[in-house]
């Protein structure tokens, strides 16, 4: 009886191979008819289900895309000048003419938020680049070389991790000077330790894999195995962290701008916009609330995208 079942399964497999059909063996054994949903590969069903984006992810991508378009082409979204205002139109509430209202000297707040995207997003990009490049380099060296060098680098990373990120950024920006670029570099340096720790742990994990040992055993050099096997399979989690760090960098740069360490007035940087409106909270709530909501929505959207990347790279 078992021989007949095996022969039938082999014949079905040969028939499917001849026709080019990928069939789930479990569905074949269950006797499902060709072409029915049950005959589809289980791996294909899982892949299709995993690729179906949720509405929150779609909204997050749309929000980040709009923010990027603000930074690249602000003139497409507003015709108002972000620097010069109309004194007769000061402190106007949100309306169809001024979507976010106006500030204390009659400048359109929506225009300032749109034109400020380039400062906040470019600063976040610089911060992520600094942290990603420097941290990944340190982590790869520590994880691949090991030994005394690994111990020394990881103890330095432990010291950096023990310092609060905002405090470390403030200390660095005081040395570098004020400005959006310096604030971005300071935030990036503050994130080096996180990238270094994660990349080192991923490199160590991959190095202990069987296929890496087999590559070394077959005569592969250290550089070739590192570039061909270790790095491509260990940096996927680092990419997810970079996406998450992008949102955190926007928040950190806005915080530094709010404290006065970012771009000087009248630059329309998001953190500075919130700081300028704090003296008018009682009479003009929109000056702080609406720029703050923009920062919050963009950061949450970047974090949602990072979460999706992290799930797909596991």
C-alpha atoms as a PDB file:
ATOM      1  CA  UNK A   1       0.000   0.000   0.000  1.00  0.00           C
ATOM      2  CA  UNK A   2       2.782   2.443   0.945  1.00  0.00           C
ATOM      3  CA  UNK A   3       4.615   1.542  -2.271  1.00  0.00           C
ATOM      4  CA  UNK A   4       1.537   2.496  -4.319  1.00  0.00           C
ATOM      5  CA  UNK A   5       1.238   5.839  -2.533  1.00  0.00           C
ATOM      6  CA  UNK A   6       4.922   6.585  -3.100  1.00  0.00           C
ATOM      7  CA  UNK A   7       4.691   5.683  -6.785  1.00  0.00           C
ATOM      8  CA  UNK A   8       1.613   7.886  -7.180  1.00  0.00           C
ATOM      9  CA  UNK A   9       3.348  10.818  -5.509  1.00  0.00           C
ATOM     10  CA  UNK A  10       6.436  10.342  -7.697  1.00  0.00           C
ATOM     11  CA  UNK A  11       4.277  10.224 -10.828  1.00  0.00           C
ATOM     12  CA  UNK A  12       2.470  13.411  -9.776  1.00  0.00           C
ATOM     13  CA  UNK A  13       5.776  15.131  -9.078  1.00  0.00           C
ATOM     14  CA  UNK A  14       7.102  14.123 -12.503  1.00  0.00           C
ATOM     15  CA  UNK A  15       3.936  15.406 -14.154  1.00  0.00           C
ATOM     16  CA  UNK A  16       4.162  18.742 -12.329  1.00  0.00           C
ATOM     17  CA  UNK A  17       7.832  19.076 -13.249  1.00  0.00           C
ATOM     18  CA  UNK A  18       7.036  18.439 -16.903  1.00  0.00           C
ATOM     19  CA  UNK A  19       4.320  21.105 -16.907  1.00  0.00           C
ATOM     20  CA  UNK A  20       6.386  23.600 -14.915  1.00  0.00           C
ATOM     21  CA  UNK A  21       3.873  23.749 -12.041  1.00  0.00           C
ATOM     22  CA  UNK A  22       5.061  24.341  -8.468  1.00  0.00           C
ATOM     23  CA  UNK A  23       2.876  22.282  -6.162  1.00  0.00           C
ATOM     24  CA  UNK A  24       2.700  22.009  -2.421  1.00  0.00           C
ATOM     25  CA  UNK A  25       3.519  18.348  -1.569  1.00  0.00           C
ATOM     26  CA  UNK A  26       0.997  18.390   1.278  1.00  0.00           C
ATOM     27  CA  UNK A  27      -1.753  19.573  -1.048  1.00  0.00           C
ATOM     28  CA  UNK A  28      -0.733  16.922  -3.639  1.00  0.00           C
ATOM     29  CA  UNK A  29      -0.934  14.152  -1.075  1.00  0.00           C
ATOM     30  CA  UNK A  30      -4.342  15.447   0.016  1.00  0.00           C
ATOM     31  CA  UNK A  31      -5.540  14.965  -3.550  1.00  0.00           C
ATOM     32  CA  UNK A  32      -6.339  18.576  -4.428  1.00  0.00           C
ATOM     33  CA  UNK A  33      -7.088  19.246  -8.044  1.00  0.00           C
ATOM     34  CA  UNK A  34      -4.492  21.057 -10.172  1.00  0.00           C
ATOM     35  CA  UNK A  35      -5.082  24.785 -10.456  1.00  0.00           C
ATOM     36  CA  UNK A  36      -7.083  25.069  -7.215  1.00  0.00           C
ATOM     37  CA  UNK A  37      -5.927  27.425  -4.431  1.00  0.00           C
ATOM     38  CA  UNK A  38      -5.046  24.409  -2.280  1.00  0.00           C
ATOM     39  CA  UNK A  39      -2.479  23.275  -4.871  1.00  0.00           C
ATOM     40  CA  UNK A  40      -0.441  26.478  -4.602  1.00  0.00           C
ATOM     41  CA  UNK A  41       2.905  26.271  -2.877  1.00  0.00           C
ATOM     42  CA  UNK A  42       2.740  26.943   0.848  1.00  0.00           C
ATOM     43  CA  UNK A  43       5.910  29.031   0.563  1.00  0.00           C
ATOM     44  CA  UNK A  44       4.271  31.098  -2.164  1.00  0.00           C
ATOM     45  CA  UNK A  45       1.201  31.651   0.013  1.00  0.00           C
ATOM     46  CA  UNK A  46       3.361  32.786   2.918  1.00  0.00           C
ATOM     47  CA  UNK A  47       5.338  35.067   0.619  1.00  0.00           C
ATOM     48  CA  UNK A  48       2.191  36.627  -0.797  1.00  0.00           C
ATOM     49  CA  UNK A  49       0.765  37.148   2.672  1.00  0.00           C
ATOM     50  CA  UNK A  50       4.017  38.728   3.889  1.00  0.00           C
ATOM     51  CA  UNK A  51       4.196  41.082   0.929  1.00  0.00           C
ATOM     52  CA  UNK A  52       0.708  42.499   1.450  1.00  0.00           C
ATOM     53  CA  UNK A  53       1.314  45.960   3.010  1.00  0.00           C
ATOM     54  CA  UNK A  54      -0.902  47.172   5.820  1.00  0.00           C
ATOM     55  CA  UNK A  55      -2.683  50.490   5.617  1.00  0.00           C
ATOM     56  CA  UNK A  56      -0.471  51.918   8.364  1.00  0.00           C
ATOM     57  CA  UNK A  57       2.629  51.163   6.309  1.00  0.00           C
ATOM     58  CA  UNK A  58       1.092  52.766   3.230  1.00  0.00           C
ATOM     59  CA  UNK A  59       0.240  55.898   5.216  1.00  0.00           C
ATOM     60  CA  UNK A  60       3.742  55.992   6.733  1.00  0.00           C
ATOM     61  CA  UNK A  61       5.384  55.763   3.314  1.00  0.00           C
ATOM     62  CA  UNK A  62       3.100  58.508   1.999  1.00  0.00           C
ATOM     63  CA  UNK A  63       3.941  60.810   4.930  1.00  0.00           C
ATOM     64  CA  UNK A  64       7.688  60.341   4.517  1.00  0.00           C
ATOM     65  CA  UNK A  65       7.372  60.806   0.744  1.00  0.00           C
ATOM     66  CA  UNK A  66       5.546  64.116   1.249  1.00  0.00           C
ATOM     67  CA  UNK A  67       8.195  65.273   3.721  1.00  0.00           C
ATOM     68  CA  UNK A  68      10.925  64.413   1.221  1.00  0.00           C
ATOM     69  CA  UNK A  69       9.082  66.312  -1.508  1.00  0.00           C
ATOM     70  CA  UNK A  70       8.844  69.282   0.847  1.00  0.00           C
ATOM     71  CA  UNK A  71      12.610  69.207   1.182  1.00  0.00           C
ATOM     72  CA  UNK A  72      13.312  68.697  -2.529  1.00  0.00           C
ATOM     73  CA  UNK A  73      10.721  71.025  -4.089  1.00  0.00           C
ATOM     74  CA  UNK A  74       9.068  73.296  -1.493  1.00  0.00           C
ATOM     75  CA  UNK A  75       7.855  75.661  -4.196  1.00  0.00           C
ATOM     76  CA  UNK A  76       5.376  73.038  -5.388  1.00  0.00           C
ATOM     77  CA  UNK A  77       3.522  73.143  -2.068  1.00  0.00           C
ATOM     78  CA  UNK A  78       3.473  76.820  -1.119  1.00  0.00           C
ATOM     79  CA  UNK A  79       4.035  80.190  -2.744  1.00  0.00           C
ATOM     80  CA  UNK A  80       4.557  82.151   0.475  1.00  0.00           C
ATOM     81  CA  UNK A  81       7.969  83.430   1.521  1.00  0.00           C
ATOM     82  CA  UNK A  82       9.225  81.635   4.650  1.00  0.00           C
ATOM     83  CA  UNK A  83      11.425  84.556   5.747  1.00  0.00           C
ATOM     84  CA  UNK A  84       9.536  87.774   4.976  1.00  0.00           C
ATOM     85  CA  UNK A  85       6.104  88.292   6.487  1.00  0.00           C
ATOM     86  CA  UNK A  86       3.218  90.753   6.330  1.00  0.00           C
ATOM     87  CA  UNK A  87       2.918  92.590   9.674  1.00  0.00           C
ATOM     88  CA  UNK A  88      -0.775  93.283   9.060  1.00  0.00           C
ATOM     89  CA  UNK A  89      -1.431  89.515   8.989  1.00  0.00           C
ATOM     90  CA  UNK A  90       0.369  88.529  12.168  1.00  0.00           C
ATOM     91  CA  UNK A  91      -0.975  85.815  14.488  1.00  0.00           C
ATOM     92  CA  UNK A  92      -3.803  84.783  12.193  1.00  0.00           C
ATOM     93  CA  UNK A  93      -5.353  81.397  13.069  1.00  0.00           C
ATOM     94  CA  UNK A  94      -5.369  78.513  10.563  1.00  0.00           C
ATOM     95  CA  UNK A  95      -7.658  79.193   7.615  1.00  0.00           C
ATOM     96  CA  UNK A  96      -8.084  78.408   3.945  1.00  0.00           C
ATOM     97  CA  UNK A  97      -5.604  81.182   3.116  1.00  0.00           C
ATOM     98  CA  UNK A  98      -2.992  80.256   5.704  1.00  0.00           C
ATOM     99  CA  UNK A  99      -3.331  76.545   6.458  1.00  0.00           C
ATOM    100  CA  UNK A 100      -1.171  76.656   9.593  1.00  0.00           C
ATOM    101  CA  UNK A 101      -1.860  80.293  10.434  1.00  0.00           C
ATOM    102  CA  UNK A 102       0.760  83.014  10.701  1.00  0.00           C
ATOM    103  CA  UNK A 103       3.411  83.854  13.276  1.00  0.00           C
ATOM    104  CA  UNK A 104       4.155  87.012  15.259  1.00  0.00           C
ATOM    105  CA  UNK A 105       5.529  88.933  12.258  1.00  0.00           C
ATOM    106  CA  UNK A 106       2.997  87.737   9.686  1.00  0.00           C
ATOM    107  CA  UNK A 107       4.919  84.852   8.101  1.00  0.00           C
ATOM    108  CA  UNK A 108       2.930  81.896   6.793  1.00  0.00           C
ATOM    109  CA  UNK A 109       3.618  79.026   9.197  1.00  0.00           C
ATOM    110  CA  UNK A 110       2.862  76.308   6.678  1.00  0.00           C
ATOM    111  CA  UNK A 111       5.441  77.798   4.302  1.00  0.00           C
ATOM    112  CA  UNK A 112       8.013  77.824   7.094  1.00  0.00           C
ATOM    113  CA  UNK A 113       7.273  74.192   7.941  1.00  0.00           C
ATOM    114  CA  UNK A 114       7.594  73.165   4.284  1.00  0.00           C
ATOM    115  CA  UNK A 115      10.838  75.077   3.740  1.00  0.00           C
ATOM    116  CA  UNK A 116      12.165  73.812   7.071  1.00  0.00           C
ATOM    117  CA  UNK A 117      11.940  70.191   5.918  1.00  0.00           C
ATOM    118  CA  UNK A 118      15.228  70.486   4.041  1.00  0.00           C
ATOM    119  CA  UNK A 119      17.077  71.440   7.231  1.00  0.00           C
ATOM    120  CA  UNK A 120      15.587  68.751   9.447  1.00  0.00           C
ATOM    121  CA  UNK A 121      15.662  65.908   6.914  1.00  0.00           C
ATOM    122  CA  UNK A 122      19.122  66.671   5.570  1.00  0.00           C
ATOM    123  CA  UNK A 123      20.401  66.914   9.140  1.00  0.00           C
ATOM    124  CA  UNK A 124      18.834  63.548   9.952  1.00  0.00           C
ATOM    125  CA  UNK A 125      20.395  62.037   6.822  1.00  0.00           C
ATOM    126  CA  UNK A 126      23.832  63.335   7.809  1.00  0.00           C
ATOM    127  CA  UNK A 127      23.408  61.980  11.331  1.00  0.00           C
ATOM    128  CA  UNK A 128      22.363  58.522  10.109  1.00  0.00           C
ATOM    129  CA  UNK A 129      25.233  58.442   7.606  1.00  0.00           C
ATOM    130  CA  UNK A 130      27.809  59.327  10.257  1.00  0.00           C
ATOM    131  CA  UNK A 131      26.470  56.750  12.703  1.00  0.00           C
ATOM    132  CA  UNK A 132      26.022  54.050  10.054  1.00  0.00           C
ATOM    133  CA  UNK A 133      29.452  54.373   8.454  1.00  0.00           C
ATOM    134  CA  UNK A 134      31.513  54.870  11.612  1.00  0.00           C
ATOM    135  CA  UNK A 135      29.535  52.447  13.774  1.00  0.00           C
ATOM    136  CA  UNK A 136      29.405  49.692  11.156  1.00  0.00           C
ATOM    137  CA  UNK A 137      33.125  50.021  10.497  1.00  0.00           C
ATOM    138  CA  UNK A 138      33.924  49.682  14.191  1.00  0.00           C
ATOM    139  CA  UNK A 139      31.531  46.756  14.611  1.00  0.00           C
ATOM    140  CA  UNK A 140      32.831  44.882  11.562  1.00  0.00           C
ATOM    141  CA  UNK A 141      36.441  45.289  12.641  1.00  0.00           C
ATOM    142  CA  UNK A 142      35.685  44.171  16.187  1.00  0.00           C
ATOM    143  CA  UNK A 143      33.552  41.222  15.134  1.00  0.00           C
ATOM    144  CA  UNK A 144      35.812  39.952  12.362  1.00  0.00           C
ATOM    145  CA  UNK A 145      39.224  40.421  13.998  1.00  0.00           C
ATOM    146  CA  UNK A 146      38.256  39.560  17.581  1.00  0.00           C
ATOM    147  CA  UNK A 147      40.811  39.186  20.368  1.00  0.00           C
ATOM    148  CA  UNK A 148      42.284  42.166  22.163  1.00  0.00           C
ATOM    149  CA  UNK A 149      41.134  44.650  19.518  1.00  0.00           C
ATOM    150  CA  UNK A 150      37.549  43.468  19.961  1.00  0.00           C
ATOM    151  CA  UNK A 151      37.770  43.952  23.727  1.00  0.00           C
ATOM    152  CA  UNK A 152      39.204  47.449  23.422  1.00  0.00           C
ATOM    153  CA  UNK A 153      36.656  48.639  20.857  1.00  0.00           C
ATOM    154  CA  UNK A 154      33.702  47.160  22.733  1.00  0.00           C
ATOM    155  CA  UNK A 155      34.765  48.744  26.022  1.00  0.00           C
ATOM    156  CA  UNK A 156      34.846  52.121  24.258  1.00  0.00           C
ATOM    157  CA  UNK A 157      31.387  51.387  22.869  1.00  0.00           C
ATOM    158  CA  UNK A 158      30.156  50.478  26.361  1.00  0.00           C
ATOM    159  CA  UNK A 159      31.356  53.842  27.649  1.00  0.00           C
ATOM    160  CA  UNK A 160      29.509  55.663  24.848  1.00  0.00           C
ATOM    161  CA  UNK A 161      26.349  53.663  25.517  1.00  0.00           C
ATOM    162  CA  UNK A 162      26.462  54.596  29.198  1.00  0.00           C
ATOM    163  CA  UNK A 163      26.189  58.310  28.314  1.00  0.00           C
ATOM    164  CA  UNK A 164      22.680  59.600  27.458  1.00  0.00           C
ATOM    165  CA  UNK A 165      22.455  60.394  23.774  1.00  0.00           C
ATOM    166  CA  UNK A 166      21.216  63.966  24.203  1.00  0.00           C
ATOM    167  CA  UNK A 167      23.928  64.769  26.730  1.00  0.00           C
ATOM    168  CA  UNK A 168      26.593  63.343  24.432  1.00  0.00           C
ATOM    169  CA  UNK A 169      25.236  65.338  21.501  1.00  0.00           C
ATOM    170  CA  UNK A 170      25.192  68.545  23.557  1.00  0.00           C
ATOM    171  CA  UNK A 171      28.802  67.985  24.607  1.00  0.00           C
ATOM    172  CA  UNK A 172      29.903  67.439  21.024  1.00  0.00           C
ATOM    173  CA  UNK A 173      27.964  70.371  19.576  1.00  0.00           C
ATOM    174  CA  UNK A 174      29.497  72.700  22.148  1.00  0.00           C
ATOM    175  CA  UNK A 175      32.911  71.678  20.817  1.00  0.00           C
ATOM    176  CA  UNK A 176      31.904  71.923  17.142  1.00  0.00           C
ATOM    177  CA  UNK A 177      29.743  75.039  17.346  1.00  0.00           C
ATOM    178  CA  UNK A 178      26.082  75.731  16.634  1.00  0.00           C
ATOM    179  CA  UNK A 179      24.318  75.007  13.363  1.00  0.00           C
ATOM    180  CA  UNK A 180      22.263  72.299  11.687  1.00  0.00           C
ATOM    181  CA  UNK A 181      25.254  70.458  10.217  1.00  0.00           C
ATOM    182  CA  UNK A 182      27.158  70.448  13.499  1.00  0.00           C
ATOM    183  CA  UNK A 183      24.038  69.310  15.324  1.00  0.00           C
ATOM    184  CA  UNK A 184      23.622  66.494  12.802  1.00  0.00           C
ATOM    185  CA  UNK A 185      27.242  65.401  13.237  1.00  0.00           C
ATOM    186  CA  UNK A 186      26.817  65.466  17.010  1.00  0.00           C
ATOM    187  CA  UNK A 187      23.670  63.320  16.797  1.00  0.00           C
ATOM    188  CA  UNK A 188      25.446  60.959  14.410  1.00  0.00           C
ATOM    189  CA  UNK A 189      28.402  60.526  16.738  1.00  0.00           C
ATOM    190  CA  UNK A 190      25.974  59.822  19.543  1.00  0.00           C
ATOM    191  CA  UNK A 191      24.492  56.920  17.531  1.00  0.00           C
ATOM    192  CA  UNK A 192      27.836  55.321  16.589  1.00  0.00           C
ATOM    193  CA  UNK A 193      27.801  53.028  19.610  1.00  0.00           C
ATOM    194  CA  UNK A 194      24.387  51.546  18.748  1.00  0.00           C
ATOM    195  CA  UNK A 195      25.435  50.765  15.180  1.00  0.00           C
ATOM    196  CA  UNK A 196      28.763  49.353  16.357  1.00  0.00           C
ATOM    197  CA  UNK A 197      27.172  47.045  18.922  1.00  0.00           C
ATOM    198  CA  UNK A 198      24.558  45.714  16.489  1.00  0.00           C
ATOM    199  CA  UNK A 199      26.928  45.228  13.540  1.00  0.00           C
ATOM    200  CA  UNK A 200      29.487  43.479  15.747  1.00  0.00           C
ATOM    201  CA  UNK A 201      26.906  41.033  17.103  1.00  0.00           C
ATOM    202  CA  UNK A 202      25.638  40.265  13.584  1.00  0.00           C
ATOM    203  CA  UNK A 203      29.162  39.702  12.252  1.00  0.00           C
ATOM    204  CA  UNK A 204      29.976  37.342  15.114  1.00  0.00           C
ATOM    205  CA  UNK A 205      26.736  35.423  14.535  1.00  0.00           C
ATOM    206  CA  UNK A 206      27.367  34.998  10.817  1.00  0.00           C
ATOM    207  CA  UNK A 207      31.026  34.058  11.305  1.00  0.00           C
ATOM    208  CA  UNK A 208      29.951  31.073  13.392  1.00  0.00           C
ATOM    209  CA  UNK A 209      27.678  29.755  10.633  1.00  0.00           C
ATOM    210  CA  UNK A 210      28.476  26.481   8.920  1.00  0.00           C
ATOM    211  CA  UNK A 211      28.717  27.945   5.429  1.00  0.00           C
ATOM    212  CA  UNK A 212      31.303  30.512   6.578  1.00  0.00           C
ATOM    213  CA  UNK A 213      33.388  27.756   8.174  1.00  0.00           C
ATOM    214  CA  UNK A 214      33.060  25.786   4.954  1.00  0.00           C
ATOM    215  CA  UNK A 215      34.237  28.807   2.942  1.00  0.00           C
ATOM    216  CA  UNK A 216      37.329  29.093   5.122  1.00  0.00           C
ATOM    217  CA  UNK A 217      37.865  25.351   4.924  1.00  0.00           C
ATOM    218  CA  UNK A 218      37.756  25.388   1.120  1.00  0.00           C
ATOM    219  CA  UNK A 219      40.666  27.809   1.011  1.00  0.00           C
ATOM    220  CA  UNK A 220      38.888  31.175   0.933  1.00  0.00           C
ATOM    221  CA  UNK A 221      40.895  34.152   2.124  1.00  0.00           C
ATOM    222  CA  UNK A 222      39.777  36.272   5.060  1.00  0.00           C
ATOM    223  CA  UNK A 223      38.969  39.272   2.840  1.00  0.00           C
ATOM    224  CA  UNK A 224      37.032  37.256   0.259  1.00  0.00           C
ATOM    225  CA  UNK A 225      34.945  35.387   2.856  1.00  0.00           C
ATOM    226  CA  UNK A 226      34.272  38.638   4.707  1.00  0.00           C
ATOM    227  CA  UNK A 227      33.133  40.465   1.586  1.00  0.00           C
ATOM    228  CA  UNK A 228      31.260  37.603  -0.068  1.00  0.00           C
ATOM    229  CA  UNK A 229      29.575  35.878   2.866  1.00  0.00           C
ATOM    230  CA  UNK A 230      29.854  37.717   6.179  1.00  0.00           C
ATOM    231  CA  UNK A 231      28.991  41.304   5.289  1.00  0.00           C
ATOM    232  CA  UNK A 232      26.001  40.654   2.956  1.00  0.00           C
ATOM    233  CA  UNK A 233      24.381  38.399   5.559  1.00  0.00           C
ATOM    234  CA  UNK A 234      25.098  40.500   8.636  1.00  0.00           C
ATOM    235  CA  UNK A 235      24.143  44.039   7.629  1.00  0.00           C
ATOM    236  CA  UNK A 236      20.401  43.562   7.035  1.00  0.00           C
ATOM    237  CA  UNK A 237      19.607  44.290  10.677  1.00  0.00           C
ATOM    238  CA  UNK A 238      21.850  47.360  10.492  1.00  0.00           C
ATOM    239  CA  UNK A 239      19.737  48.693   7.617  1.00  0.00           C
ATOM    240  CA  UNK A 240      16.619  48.376   9.756  1.00  0.00           C
ATOM    241  CA  UNK A 241      18.378  50.235  12.564  1.00  0.00           C
ATOM    242  CA  UNK A 242      19.352  52.992  10.111  1.00  0.00           C
ATOM    243  CA  UNK A 243      15.694  53.487   9.190  1.00  0.00           C
ATOM    244  CA  UNK A 244      14.751  53.618  12.863  1.00  0.00           C
ATOM    245  CA  UNK A 245      17.628  55.989  13.603  1.00  0.00           C
ATOM    246  CA  UNK A 246      16.409  58.328  10.853  1.00  0.00           C
ATOM    247  CA  UNK A 247      13.263  59.088  12.823  1.00  0.00           C
ATOM    248  CA  UNK A 248      15.213  59.376  16.058  1.00  0.00           C
ATOM    249  CA  UNK A 249      17.662  61.749  14.374  1.00  0.00           C
ATOM    250  CA  UNK A 250      14.827  64.037  13.245  1.00  0.00           C
ATOM    251  CA  UNK A 251      13.568  64.154  16.817  1.00  0.00           C
ATOM    252  CA  UNK A 252      17.047  64.745  18.259  1.00  0.00           C
ATOM    253  CA  UNK A 253      17.884  67.531  15.791  1.00  0.00           C
ATOM    254  CA  UNK A 254      14.532  69.173  16.461  1.00  0.00           C
ATOM    255  CA  UNK A 255      15.264  68.965  20.178  1.00  0.00           C
ATOM    256  CA  UNK A 256      18.649  70.629  19.717  1.00  0.00           C
ATOM    257  CA  UNK A 257      17.014  73.301  17.558  1.00  0.00           C
ATOM    258  CA  UNK A 258      14.384  73.877  20.234  1.00  0.00           C
ATOM    259  CA  UNK A 259      17.149  74.364  22.809  1.00  0.00           C
ATOM    260  CA  UNK A 260      18.918  76.869  20.565  1.00  0.00           C
ATOM    261  CA  UNK A 261      21.826  74.684  19.399  1.00  0.00           C
ATOM    262  CA  UNK A 262      20.614  74.238  15.834  1.00  0.00           C
ATOM    263  CA  UNK A 263      20.126  76.666  12.990  1.00  0.00           C
ATOM    264  CA  UNK A 264      19.934  80.347  13.988  1.00  0.00           C
ATOM    265  CA  UNK A 265      16.829  82.479  13.323  1.00  0.00           C
ATOM    266  CA  UNK A 266      15.186  83.189  10.923  1.00  0.00           C
ATOM    267  CA  UNK A 267      15.992  79.744   9.460  1.00  0.00           C
ATOM    268  CA  UNK A 268      12.735  77.741   9.392  1.00  0.00           C
ATOM    269  CA  UNK A 269      14.038  74.649  11.146  1.00  0.00           C
ATOM    270  CA  UNK A 270      11.332  72.515  12.766  1.00  0.00           C
ATOM    271  CA  UNK A 271      12.695  72.602  16.295  1.00  0.00           C
ATOM    272  CA  UNK A 272      13.272  76.345  16.078  1.00  0.00           C
ATOM    273  CA  UNK A 273       9.687  76.885  14.879  1.00  0.00           C
ATOM    274  CA  UNK A 274       8.377  75.165  18.005  1.00  0.00           C
ATOM    275  CA  UNK A 275      10.705  77.229  20.187  1.00  0.00           C
ATOM    276  CA  UNK A 276       9.605  80.514  18.581  1.00  0.00           C
ATOM    277  CA  UNK A 277       5.966  79.793  19.274  1.00  0.00           C
ATOM    278  CA  UNK A 278       6.267  78.780  22.918  1.00  0.00           C
ATOM    279  CA  UNK A 279       5.828  82.397  24.067  1.00  0.00           C
ATOM    280  CA  UNK A 280       2.440  82.517  22.339  1.00  0.00           C
ATOM    281  CA  UNK A 281       0.950  79.234  23.545  1.00  0.00           C
ATOM    282  CA  UNK A 282      -1.913  80.958  25.355  1.00  0.00           C
ATOM    283  CA  UNK A 283      -2.891  83.213  22.435  1.00  0.00           C
ATOM    284  CA  UNK A 284      -1.641  81.374  19.320  1.00  0.00           C
ATOM    285  CA  UNK A 285      -1.637  77.647  20.013  1.00  0.00           C
ATOM    286  CA  UNK A 286      -0.978  76.764  16.364  1.00  0.00           C
ATOM    287  CA  UNK A 287       2.579  78.136  16.456  1.00  0.00           C
ATOM    288  CA  UNK A 288       3.805  75.220  18.550  1.00  0.00           C
ATOM    289  CA  UNK A 289       1.092  72.593  18.064  1.00  0.00           C
ATOM    290  CA  UNK A 290       1.136  72.274  14.278  1.00  0.00           C
ATOM    291  CA  UNK A 291       4.933  72.120  13.762  1.00  0.00           C
ATOM    292  CA  UNK A 292       5.091  69.707  16.697  1.00  0.00           C
ATOM    293  CA  UNK A 293       2.467  67.480  15.073  1.00  0.00           C
ATOM    294  CA  UNK A 294       4.440  67.494  11.829  1.00  0.00           C
ATOM    295  CA  UNK A 295       7.572  66.329  13.647  1.00  0.00           C
ATOM    296  CA  UNK A 296       5.599  63.695  15.537  1.00  0.00           C
ATOM    297  CA  UNK A 297       3.882  62.289  12.440  1.00  0.00           C
ATOM    298  CA  UNK A 298       7.108  62.140  10.404  1.00  0.00           C
ATOM    299  CA  UNK A 299       9.012  60.435  13.225  1.00  0.00           C
ATOM    300  CA  UNK A 300       6.247  57.878  13.809  1.00  0.00           C
ATOM    301  CA  UNK A 301       6.063  57.196  10.081  1.00  0.00           C
ATOM    302  CA  UNK A 302       9.812  56.618   9.851  1.00  0.00           C
ATOM    303  CA  UNK A 303       9.588  54.247  12.819  1.00  0.00           C
ATOM    304  CA  UNK A 304       6.720  52.337  11.173  1.00  0.00           C
ATOM    305  CA  UNK A 305       8.780  51.880   8.008  1.00  0.00           C
ATOM    306  CA  UNK A 306      11.729  50.719  10.100  1.00  0.00           C
ATOM    307  CA  UNK A 307       9.494  48.188  11.826  1.00  0.00           C
ATOM    308  CA  UNK A 308       8.422  46.797   8.475  1.00  0.00           C
ATOM    309  CA  UNK A 309      12.015  46.564   7.243  1.00  0.00           C
ATOM    310  CA  UNK A 310      13.035  44.815  10.431  1.00  0.00           C
ATOM    311  CA  UNK A 311      10.302  42.184  10.004  1.00  0.00           C
ATOM    312  CA  UNK A 312      11.242  41.465   6.414  1.00  0.00           C
ATOM    313  CA  UNK A 313      14.962  41.102   7.142  1.00  0.00           C
ATOM    314  CA  UNK A 314      14.537  38.541   9.898  1.00  0.00           C
END
